[in-house]
Amino acid sequence: MRVVDDQGNPIPEQQSKRVLAGVLAIVFGELGIHKFVLGYTAEGLIQIALTIITCGIAGIIGIIEGIIYLTKTDEEFIYQYQTNKRSWF
């Protein structure tokens, strides 16, 4: 699996967290656990706060993100979420 950045430079090989993050997002999305797995602590805390404020309705964000994560290839996922730190959707 070869991933390159915007300038075409190779990025050191990483293990994809796509399946783990995707499943956690679908099952426990309202708790933001998938955000913590990807290293997005602030976004995970925001997800928890949104879930509390909206009485659980914001949990739909986790389901949507889980589906998005699982429909990407490992290369796309590593590039967008692990290398470039795209924290939402």
PDB file of N, CA and C in Angstrom:
ATOM      1  N   MET A   1       0.851  -1.161   0.000  1.00  0.00           N
ATOM      2  CA  MET A   1       0.000   0.000   0.000  1.00  0.00           C
ATOM      3  C   MET A   1       0.907   1.236   0.000  1.00  0.00           C
ATOM      4  N   ARG A   2       0.849   2.051  -1.059  1.00  0.00           N
ATOM      5  CA  ARG A   2       1.684   3.241  -1.196  1.00  0.00           C
ATOM      6  C   ARG A   2       0.796   4.465  -1.154  1.00  0.00           C
ATOM      7  N   VAL A   3       1.031   5.327  -0.178  1.00  0.00           N
ATOM      8  CA  VAL A   3       0.259   6.547  -0.021  1.00  0.00           C
ATOM      9  C   VAL A   3       1.196   7.724  -0.201  1.00  0.00           C
ATOM     10  N   VAL A   4       0.749   8.733  -0.965  1.00  0.00           N
ATOM     11  CA  VAL A   4       1.552   9.933  -1.187  1.00  0.00           C
ATOM     12  C   VAL A   4       0.795  11.156  -0.698  1.00  0.00           C
ATOM     13  N   ASP A   5       1.546  12.212  -0.345  1.00  0.00           N
ATOM     14  CA  ASP A   5       0.907  13.451   0.082  1.00  0.00           C
ATOM     15  C   ASP A   5       0.584  14.318  -1.133  1.00  0.00           C
ATOM     16  N   ASP A   6       0.143  15.561  -0.892  1.00  0.00           N
ATOM     17  CA  ASP A   6      -0.271  16.453  -1.973  1.00  0.00           C
ATOM     18  C   ASP A   6       0.854  16.766  -2.963  1.00  0.00           C
ATOM     19  N   GLN A   7       2.105  16.731  -2.502  1.00  0.00           N
ATOM     20  CA  GLN A   7       3.241  17.020  -3.372  1.00  0.00           C
ATOM     21  C   GLN A   7       3.780  15.768  -4.050  1.00  0.00           C
ATOM     22  N   GLY A   8       3.188  14.625  -3.805  1.00  0.00           N
ATOM     23  CA  GLY A   8       3.638  13.389  -4.411  1.00  0.00           C
ATOM     24  C   GLY A   8       4.719  12.670  -3.634  1.00  0.00           C
ATOM     25  N   ASN A   9       5.051  13.162  -2.451  1.00  0.00           N
ATOM     26  CA  ASN A   9       6.068  12.517  -1.625  1.00  0.00           C
ATOM     27  C   ASN A   9       5.456  11.304  -0.922  1.00  0.00           C
ATOM     28  N   PRO A  10       6.179  10.195  -0.893  1.00  0.00           N
ATOM     29  CA  PRO A  10       5.625   9.005  -0.222  1.00  0.00           C
ATOM     30  C   PRO A  10       5.504   9.232   1.281  1.00  0.00           C
ATOM     31  N   ILE A  11       4.428   8.735   1.836  1.00  0.00           N
ATOM     32  CA  ILE A  11       4.176   8.827   3.270  1.00  0.00           C
ATOM     33  C   ILE A  11       4.566   7.480   3.868  1.00  0.00           C
ATOM     34  N   PRO A  12       5.274   7.482   4.998  1.00  0.00           N
ATOM     35  CA  PRO A  12       5.654   6.208   5.608  1.00  0.00           C
ATOM     36  C   PRO A  12       4.427   5.311   5.803  1.00  0.00           C
ATOM     37  N   GLU A  13       4.616   4.029   5.573  1.00  0.00           N
ATOM     38  CA  GLU A  13       3.498   3.092   5.651  1.00  0.00           C
ATOM     39  C   GLU A  13       2.897   3.066   7.045  1.00  0.00           C
ATOM     40  N   GLN A  14       1.569   3.105   7.092  1.00  0.00           N
ATOM     41  CA  GLN A  14       0.831   3.076   8.340  1.00  0.00           C
ATOM     42  C   GLN A  14      -0.191   1.950   8.284  1.00  0.00           C
ATOM     43  N   GLN A  15      -0.548   1.450   9.426  1.00  0.00           N
ATOM     44  CA  GLN A  15      -1.608   0.468   9.515  1.00  0.00           C
ATOM     45  C   GLN A  15      -2.936   1.211   9.488  1.00  0.00           C
ATOM     46  N   SER A  16      -3.845   0.802   8.634  1.00  0.00           N
ATOM     47  CA  SER A  16      -5.135   1.458   8.524  1.00  0.00           C
ATOM     48  C   SER A  16      -6.007   1.148   9.735  1.00  0.00           C
ATOM     49  N   LYS A  17      -6.645   2.160  10.262  1.00  0.00           N
ATOM     50  CA  LYS A  17      -7.588   2.008  11.365  1.00  0.00           C
ATOM     51  C   LYS A  17      -9.021   2.114  10.854  1.00  0.00           C
ATOM     52  N   ARG A  18      -9.208   1.952   9.549  1.00  0.00           N
ATOM     53  CA  ARG A  18     -10.496   2.163   8.894  1.00  0.00           C
ATOM     54  C   ARG A  18     -11.607   1.282   9.455  1.00  0.00           C
ATOM     55  N   VAL A  19     -11.382  -0.017   9.504  1.00  0.00           N
ATOM     56  CA  VAL A  19     -12.437  -0.936   9.947  1.00  0.00           C
ATOM     57  C   VAL A  19     -12.747  -0.715  11.425  1.00  0.00           C
ATOM     58  N   LEU A  20     -11.720  -0.602  12.254  1.00  0.00           N
ATOM     59  CA  LEU A  20     -11.932  -0.378  13.682  1.00  0.00           C
ATOM     60  C   LEU A  20     -12.707   0.918  13.916  1.00  0.00           C
ATOM     61  N   ALA A  21     -12.255   2.009  13.303  1.00  0.00           N
ATOM     62  CA  ALA A  21     -12.925   3.302  13.482  1.00  0.00           C
ATOM     63  C   ALA A  21     -14.339   3.268  12.918  1.00  0.00           C
ATOM     64  N   GLY A  22     -14.536   2.615  11.779  1.00  0.00           N
ATOM     65  CA  GLY A  22     -15.856   2.542  11.169  1.00  0.00           C
ATOM     66  C   GLY A  22     -16.854   1.794  12.020  1.00  0.00           C
ATOM     67  N   VAL A  23     -16.455   0.641  12.531  1.00  0.00           N
ATOM     68  CA  VAL A  23     -17.355  -0.153  13.374  1.00  0.00           C
ATOM     69  C   VAL A  23     -17.644   0.576  14.681  1.00  0.00           C
ATOM     70  N   LEU A  24     -16.621   1.145  15.303  1.00  0.00           N
ATOM     71  CA  LEU A  24     -16.838   1.895  16.543  1.00  0.00           C
ATOM     72  C   LEU A  24     -17.743   3.097  16.315  1.00  0.00           C
ATOM     73  N   ALA A  25     -17.600   3.753  15.163  1.00  0.00           N
ATOM     74  CA  ALA A  25     -18.439   4.911  14.863  1.00  0.00           C
ATOM     75  C   ALA A  25     -19.902   4.506  14.730  1.00  0.00           C
ATOM     76  N   ILE A  26     -20.155   3.362  14.106  1.00  0.00           N
ATOM     77  CA  ILE A  26     -21.538   2.918  13.928  1.00  0.00           C
ATOM     78  C   ILE A  26     -22.135   2.438  15.254  1.00  0.00           C
ATOM     79  N   VAL A  27     -21.364   1.695  16.042  1.00  0.00           N
ATOM     80  CA  VAL A  27     -21.886   1.114  17.276  1.00  0.00           C
ATOM     81  C   VAL A  27     -21.881   2.111  18.433  1.00  0.00           C
ATOM     82  N   PHE A  28     -20.794   2.857  18.590  1.00  0.00           N
ATOM     83  CA  PHE A  28     -20.657   3.776  19.728  1.00  0.00           C
ATOM     84  C   PHE A  28     -20.447   5.216  19.279  1.00  0.00           C
ATOM     85  N   GLY A  29     -20.999   5.592  18.139  1.00  0.00           N
ATOM     86  CA  GLY A  29     -20.777   6.918  17.570  1.00  0.00           C
ATOM     87  C   GLY A  29     -21.169   8.057  18.477  1.00  0.00           C
ATOM     88  N   GLU A  30     -22.210   7.860  19.266  1.00  0.00           N
ATOM     89  CA  GLU A  30     -22.656   8.942  20.147  1.00  0.00           C
ATOM     90  C   GLU A  30     -21.643   9.255  21.235  1.00  0.00           C
ATOM     91  N   LEU A  31     -20.746   8.318  21.526  1.00  0.00           N
ATOM     92  CA  LEU A  31     -19.714   8.546  22.540  1.00  0.00           C
ATOM     93  C   LEU A  31     -18.407   9.060  21.952  1.00  0.00           C
ATOM     94  N   GLY A  32     -18.305   9.110  20.635  1.00  0.00           N
ATOM     95  CA  GLY A  32     -17.114   9.644  19.985  1.00  0.00           C
ATOM     96  C   GLY A  32     -15.880   8.773  20.115  1.00  0.00           C
ATOM     97  N   ILE A  33     -16.056   7.496  20.433  1.00  0.00           N
ATOM     98  CA  ILE A  33     -14.911   6.611  20.638  1.00  0.00           C
ATOM     99  C   ILE A  33     -14.053   6.519  19.380  1.00  0.00           C
ATOM    100  N   HIS A  34     -14.682   6.536  18.217  1.00  0.00           N
ATOM    101  CA  HIS A  34     -13.926   6.471  16.959  1.00  0.00           C
ATOM    102  C   HIS A  34     -12.993   7.665  16.803  1.00  0.00           C
ATOM    103  N   LYS A  35     -13.384   8.812  17.337  1.00  0.00           N
ATOM    104  CA  LYS A  35     -12.521  10.002  17.284  1.00  0.00           C
ATOM    105  C   LYS A  35     -11.270   9.792  18.132  1.00  0.00           C
ATOM    106  N   PHE A  36     -11.452   9.218  19.321  1.00  0.00           N
ATOM    107  CA  PHE A  36     -10.310   8.973  20.195  1.00  0.00           C
ATOM    108  C   PHE A  36      -9.349   7.952  19.578  1.00  0.00           C
ATOM    109  N   VAL A  37      -9.883   6.926  18.911  1.00  0.00           N
ATOM    110  CA  VAL A  37      -9.044   5.914  18.258  1.00  0.00           C
ATOM    111  C   VAL A  37      -8.171   6.557  17.184  1.00  0.00           C
ATOM    112  N   LEU A  38      -8.721   7.560  16.482  1.00  0.00           N
ATOM    113  CA  LEU A  38      -7.964   8.229  15.421  1.00  0.00           C
ATOM    114  C   LEU A  38      -7.067   9.349  15.950  1.00  0.00           C
ATOM    115  N   GLY A  39      -7.122   9.615  17.245  1.00  0.00           N
ATOM    116  CA  GLY A  39      -6.268  10.631  17.844  1.00  0.00           C
ATOM    117  C   GLY A  39      -6.880  12.019  17.884  1.00  0.00           C
ATOM    118  N   TYR A  40      -8.181  12.118  17.683  1.00  0.00           N
ATOM    119  CA  TYR A  40      -8.872  13.413  17.698  1.00  0.00           C
ATOM    120  C   TYR A  40      -9.561  13.605  19.048  1.00  0.00           C
ATOM    121  N   THR A  41      -8.792  13.941  20.065  1.00  0.00           N
ATOM    122  CA  THR A  41      -9.331  14.069  21.415  1.00  0.00           C
ATOM    123  C   THR A  41     -10.352  15.188  21.522  1.00  0.00           C
ATOM    124  N   ALA A  42     -10.043  16.365  20.999  1.00  0.00           N
ATOM    125  CA  ALA A  42     -10.965  17.499  21.090  1.00  0.00           C
ATOM    126  C   ALA A  42     -12.279  17.186  20.382  1.00  0.00           C
ATOM    127  N   GLU A  43     -12.202  16.574  19.218  1.00  0.00           N
ATOM    128  CA  GLU A  43     -13.408  16.243  18.461  1.00  0.00           C
ATOM    129  C   GLU A  43     -14.226  15.172  19.175  1.00  0.00           C
ATOM    130  N   GLY A  44     -13.550  14.237  19.846  1.00  0.00           N
ATOM    131  CA  GLY A  44     -14.249  13.225  20.636  1.00  0.00           C
ATOM    132  C   GLY A  44     -15.021  13.842  21.782  1.00  0.00           C
ATOM    133  N   LEU A  45     -14.397  14.800  22.442  1.00  0.00           N
ATOM    134  CA  LEU A  45     -15.083  15.501  23.539  1.00  0.00           C
ATOM    135  C   LEU A  45     -16.256  16.335  23.019  1.00  0.00           C
ATOM    136  N   ILE A  46     -16.076  16.943  21.852  1.00  0.00           N
ATOM    137  CA  ILE A  46     -17.172  17.699  21.236  1.00  0.00           C
ATOM    138  C   ILE A  46     -18.332  16.764  20.905  1.00  0.00           C
ATOM    139  N   GLN A  47     -18.032  15.576  20.387  1.00  0.00           N
ATOM    140  CA  GLN A  47     -19.075  14.603  20.065  1.00  0.00           C
ATOM    141  C   GLN A  47     -19.846  14.195  21.316  1.00  0.00           C
ATOM    142  N   ILE A  48     -19.146  13.960  22.411  1.00  0.00           N
ATOM    143  CA  ILE A  48     -19.814  13.609  23.667  1.00  0.00           C
ATOM    144  C   ILE A  48     -20.708  14.752  24.128  1.00  0.00           C
ATOM    145  N   ALA A  49     -20.190  15.978  24.071  1.00  0.00           N
ATOM    146  CA  ALA A  49     -20.974  17.144  24.488  1.00  0.00           C
ATOM    147  C   ALA A  49     -22.217  17.323  23.613  1.00  0.00           C
ATOM    148  N   LEU A  50     -22.064  17.169  22.301  1.00  0.00           N
ATOM    149  CA  LEU A  50     -23.215  17.293  21.396  1.00  0.00           C
ATOM    150  C   LEU A  50     -24.271  16.239  21.692  1.00  0.00           C
ATOM    151  N   THR A  51     -23.819  15.025  21.990  1.00  0.00           N
ATOM    152  CA  THR A  51     -24.759  13.950  22.308  1.00  0.00           C
ATOM    153  C   THR A  51     -25.537  14.269  23.578  1.00  0.00           C
ATOM    154  N   ILE A  52     -24.857  14.789  24.573  1.00  0.00           N
ATOM    155  CA  ILE A  52     -25.535  15.148  25.825  1.00  0.00           C
ATOM    156  C   ILE A  52     -26.510  16.301  25.598  1.00  0.00           C
ATOM    157  N   ILE A  53     -26.062  17.330  24.891  1.00  0.00           N
ATOM    158  CA  ILE A  53     -26.902  18.513  24.646  1.00  0.00           C
ATOM    159  C   ILE A  53     -28.137  18.164  23.833  1.00  0.00           C
ATOM    160  N   THR A  54     -27.993  17.269  22.859  1.00  0.00           N
ATOM    161  CA  THR A  54     -29.123  16.939  21.977  1.00  0.00           C
ATOM    162  C   THR A  54     -29.861  15.680  22.427  1.00  0.00           C
ATOM    163  N   CYS A  55     -29.575  15.201  23.625  1.00  0.00           N
ATOM    164  CA  CYS A  55     -30.213  13.990  24.163  1.00  0.00           C
ATOM    165  C   CYS A  55     -30.040  12.790  23.231  1.00  0.00           C
ATOM    166  N   GLY A  56     -28.887  12.659  22.627  1.00  0.00           N
ATOM    167  CA  GLY A  56     -28.557  11.506  21.809  1.00  0.00           C
ATOM    168  C   GLY A  56     -28.756  11.671  20.318  1.00  0.00           C
ATOM    169  N   ILE A  57     -29.428  12.713  19.892  1.00  0.00           N
ATOM    170  CA  ILE A  57     -29.702  12.896  18.468  1.00  0.00           C
ATOM    171  C   ILE A  57     -28.411  13.074  17.668  1.00  0.00           C
ATOM    172  N   ALA A  58     -27.403  13.698  18.256  1.00  0.00           N
ATOM    173  CA  ALA A  58     -26.136  13.919  17.555  1.00  0.00           C
ATOM    174  C   ALA A  58     -25.387  12.617  17.303  1.00  0.00           C
ATOM    175  N   GLY A  59     -25.862  11.503  17.851  1.00  0.00           N
ATOM    176  CA  GLY A  59     -25.255  10.207  17.591  1.00  0.00           C
ATOM    177  C   GLY A  59     -25.317   9.808  16.128  1.00  0.00           C
ATOM    178  N   ILE A  60     -26.222  10.438  15.379  1.00  0.00           N
ATOM    179  CA  ILE A  60     -26.333  10.171  13.939  1.00  0.00           C
ATOM    180  C   ILE A  60     -25.035  10.536  13.228  1.00  0.00           C
ATOM    181  N   ILE A  61     -24.283  11.483  13.774  1.00  0.00           N
ATOM    182  CA  ILE A  61     -23.000  11.871  13.182  1.00  0.00           C
ATOM    183  C   ILE A  61     -22.060  10.670  13.151  1.00  0.00           C
ATOM    184  N   GLY A  62     -22.017   9.913  14.230  1.00  0.00           N
ATOM    185  CA  GLY A  62     -21.165   8.732  14.286  1.00  0.00           C
ATOM    186  C   GLY A  62     -21.558   7.683  13.262  1.00  0.00           C
ATOM    187  N   ILE A  63     -22.856   7.481  13.092  1.00  0.00           N
ATOM    188  CA  ILE A  63     -23.324   6.496  12.109  1.00  0.00           C
ATOM    189  C   ILE A  63     -22.906   6.924  10.703  1.00  0.00           C
ATOM    190  N   ILE A  64     -23.094   8.193  10.390  1.00  0.00           N
ATOM    191  CA  ILE A  64     -22.718   8.707   9.069  1.00  0.00           C
ATOM    192  C   ILE A  64     -21.213   8.563   8.857  1.00  0.00           C
ATOM    193  N   GLU A  65     -20.427   8.962   9.862  1.00  0.00           N
ATOM    194  CA  GLU A  65     -18.973   8.844   9.723  1.00  0.00           C
ATOM    195  C   GLU A  65     -18.545   7.393   9.587  1.00  0.00           C
ATOM    196  N   GLY A  66     -19.157   6.492  10.317  1.00  0.00           N
ATOM    197  CA  GLY A  66     -18.822   5.080  10.213  1.00  0.00           C
ATOM    198  C   GLY A  66     -19.043   4.542   8.809  1.00  0.00           C
ATOM    199  N   ILE A  67     -20.161   4.921   8.214  1.00  0.00           N
ATOM    200  CA  ILE A  67     -20.453   4.490   6.847  1.00  0.00           C
ATOM    201  C   ILE A  67     -19.433   5.076   5.876  1.00  0.00           C
ATOM    202  N   ILE A  68     -19.096   6.347   6.064  1.00  0.00           N
ATOM    203  CA  ILE A  68     -18.093   6.988   5.197  1.00  0.00           C
ATOM    204  C   ILE A  68     -16.748   6.283   5.337  1.00  0.00           C
ATOM    205  N   TYR A  69     -16.326   6.007   6.571  1.00  0.00           N
ATOM    206  CA  TYR A  69     -15.047   5.334   6.801  1.00  0.00           C
ATOM    207  C   TYR A  69     -15.005   3.984   6.095  1.00  0.00           C
ATOM    208  N   LEU A  70     -16.077   3.208   6.219  1.00  0.00           N
ATOM    209  CA  LEU A  70     -16.083   1.850   5.677  1.00  0.00           C
ATOM    210  C   LEU A  70     -16.199   1.799   4.162  1.00  0.00           C
ATOM    211  N   THR A  71     -16.651   2.888   3.539  1.00  0.00           N
ATOM    212  CA  THR A  71     -16.758   2.901   2.078  1.00  0.00           C
ATOM    213  C   THR A  71     -15.485   3.388   1.398  1.00  0.00           C
ATOM    214  N   LYS A  72     -14.515   3.854   2.152  1.00  0.00           N
ATOM    215  CA  LYS A  72     -13.244   4.301   1.583  1.00  0.00           C
ATOM    216  C   LYS A  72     -12.261   3.135   1.502  1.00  0.00           C
ATOM    217  N   THR A  73     -11.300   3.269   0.608  1.00  0.00           N
ATOM    218  CA  THR A  73     -10.219   2.283   0.573  1.00  0.00           C
ATOM    219  C   THR A  73      -9.255   2.590   1.712  1.00  0.00           C
ATOM    220  N   ASP A  74      -8.399   1.628   2.046  1.00  0.00           N
ATOM    221  CA  ASP A  74      -7.406   1.867   3.097  1.00  0.00           C
ATOM    222  C   ASP A  74      -6.521   3.060   2.757  1.00  0.00           C
ATOM    223  N   GLU A  75      -6.122   3.164   1.477  1.00  0.00           N
ATOM    224  CA  GLU A  75      -5.256   4.267   1.069  1.00  0.00           C
ATOM    225  C   GLU A  75      -5.935   5.612   1.260  1.00  0.00           C
ATOM    226  N   GLU A  76      -7.195   5.716   0.838  1.00  0.00           N
ATOM    227  CA  GLU A  76      -7.938   6.973   1.004  1.00  0.00           C
ATOM    228  C   GLU A  76      -8.105   7.313   2.477  1.00  0.00           C
ATOM    229  N   PHE A  77      -8.422   6.305   3.275  1.00  0.00           N
ATOM    230  CA  PHE A  77      -8.640   6.533   4.702  1.00  0.00           C
ATOM    231  C   PHE A  77      -7.369   7.018   5.382  1.00  0.00           C
ATOM    232  N   ILE A  78      -6.251   6.344   5.124  1.00  0.00           N
ATOM    233  CA  ILE A  78      -4.982   6.757   5.732  1.00  0.00           C
ATOM    234  C   ILE A  78      -4.635   8.175   5.311  1.00  0.00           C
ATOM    235  N   TYR A  79      -4.798   8.478   4.031  1.00  0.00           N
ATOM    236  CA  TYR A  79      -4.468   9.809   3.525  1.00  0.00           C
ATOM    237  C   TYR A  79      -5.332  10.883   4.179  1.00  0.00           C
ATOM    238  N   GLN A  80      -6.640  10.676   4.203  1.00  0.00           N
ATOM    239  CA  GLN A  80      -7.547  11.717   4.695  1.00  0.00           C
ATOM    240  C   GLN A  80      -7.592  11.825   6.209  1.00  0.00           C
ATOM    241  N   TYR A  81      -7.686  10.711   6.914  1.00  0.00           N
ATOM    242  CA  TYR A  81      -7.968  10.749   8.349  1.00  0.00           C
ATOM    243  C   TYR A  81      -6.770  10.494   9.244  1.00  0.00           C
ATOM    244  N   GLN A  82      -5.776   9.763   8.775  1.00  0.00           N
ATOM    245  CA  GLN A  82      -4.617   9.483   9.611  1.00  0.00           C
ATOM    246  C   GLN A  82      -3.441  10.402   9.287  1.00  0.00           C
ATOM    247  N   THR A  83      -3.252  10.753   8.031  1.00  0.00           N
ATOM    248  CA  THR A  83      -2.127  11.603   7.646  1.00  0.00           C
ATOM    249  C   THR A  83      -2.505  13.077   7.676  1.00  0.00           C
ATOM    250  N   ASN A  84      -3.585  13.441   7.000  1.00  0.00           N
ATOM    251  CA  ASN A  84      -3.976  14.845   6.899  1.00  0.00           C
ATOM    252  C   ASN A  84      -4.903  15.301   8.011  1.00  0.00           C
ATOM    253  N   LYS A  85      -5.257  14.397   8.899  1.00  0.00           N
ATOM    254  CA  LYS A  85      -6.040  14.723  10.097  1.00  0.00           C
ATOM    255  C   LYS A  85      -7.356  15.447   9.777  1.00  0.00           C
ATOM    256  N   ARG A  86      -8.108  14.915   8.830  1.00  0.00           N
ATOM    257  CA  ARG A  86      -9.446  15.440   8.541  1.00  0.00           C
ATOM    258  C   ARG A  86     -10.368  14.906   9.632  1.00  0.00           C
ATOM    259  N   SER A  87     -10.822  15.783  10.517  1.00  0.00           N
ATOM    260  CA  SER A  87     -11.486  15.304  11.730  1.00  0.00           C
ATOM    261  C   SER A  87     -12.991  15.105  11.615  1.00  0.00           C
ATOM    262  N   TRP A  88     -13.659  15.736  10.678  1.00  0.00           N
ATOM    263  CA  TRP A  88     -15.110  15.559  10.547  1.00  0.00           C
ATOM    264  C   TRP A  88     -15.447  15.180   9.120  1.00  0.00           C
ATOM    265  N   PHE A  89     -16.287  14.185   8.978  1.00  0.00           N
ATOM    266  CA  PHE A  89     -16.798  13.675   7.701  1.00  0.00           C
ATOM    267  C   PHE A  89     -15.657  13.550   6.741  1.00  0.00           C
TER     268      PHE A  89
END
